[in-house]
């Protein structure tokens, strides 16, 4: 969870200063020492520094900064939340959830659904679909009650994916369908949005049927998904198609196609990288399998993709005799 910073504010300030009129020296007030930062602002600055360290894989250093922030502001939601995130990425799941539980207690109304979903992902790292479902459903119910149907649909699909990658295909189907039906409740939904949610359901069914070993049905759903993409002319979704092709190919035993297609989806997503590593391993290419499993461990995201990719990469690297440590960043 990397918090993006924007350089625009600094540039605007420089521009304003550069365009100011010069005052006579005698009219300028005497210089004053800079005001000490407020504890809350200083605490948030520490959290942002910690996020940068966590994104770089320096989890212990990040956690140390989060704890300093909590010394300044013991009720700082962000510090508790991101401490839990860093601990999850270290594999310290029980300890992580202690901090995530505190974050839920401290969350404002607008932060509540985020805190529930982060806790759900924490449980997904351990394939605990029962507890992950509990928190995703709480987020879904809140968003539905607030008539935020797009957000609720996204949460439903997130839970569906947790079920899918944990092997619970029946619940995955149910929640992907719930995601689509929830999205369609949006009063002002456009035709393009309808087509996008139809595509998402077809994409989900392609993966589910592939996991069931129903190769023909998987190809039918894959073809339907491609037709919808072409019809909608939704270029923003096109990069998902090679991922779908690669996913279906991997579970259909066509490792050559999986290896050819998955890199086209981009290798910034740890789950795509883990699928590619599996395709190489299953095809007998141990060297490339190790390379891509190690690459997974350099991607320090806290999301459903990494909740499944990261533990698998550690497990497979150990099985392949390569160790489970991420290579040093270049």
Foldseek 3Di string as FASTA:
>chain_A
DADDDDCVVVVVVVVVVVPDDDDPPVPDDDDDPDDDDQLQVVLVVLQNVLSVCLQQVNLVSSLVSLVVSCVSPVLDLSSLQVNLLSCLLVVNLVVSVVSLVSSCVSDDPVCNLVSLQLNLLSVLLVLPLVSSVVSLVVSLVVCVVVLVLLVSLVSLQQSLVSCVLSPNLVSSLVSLVVSLVSNVVNPPDDPLNNLVSVLSNLLSVLLSCLQVVNLVSSVVSLVVSVVSCVVSVPVVCVLCSLVSQLSSCLSNVNLVSNLVRLCSSPDLQLLSLQSNLSSCVSVPNPVSNLVSLLVSSSRSDRGNSNSNSLVVSQVVCVVSVNHNHRDNDD
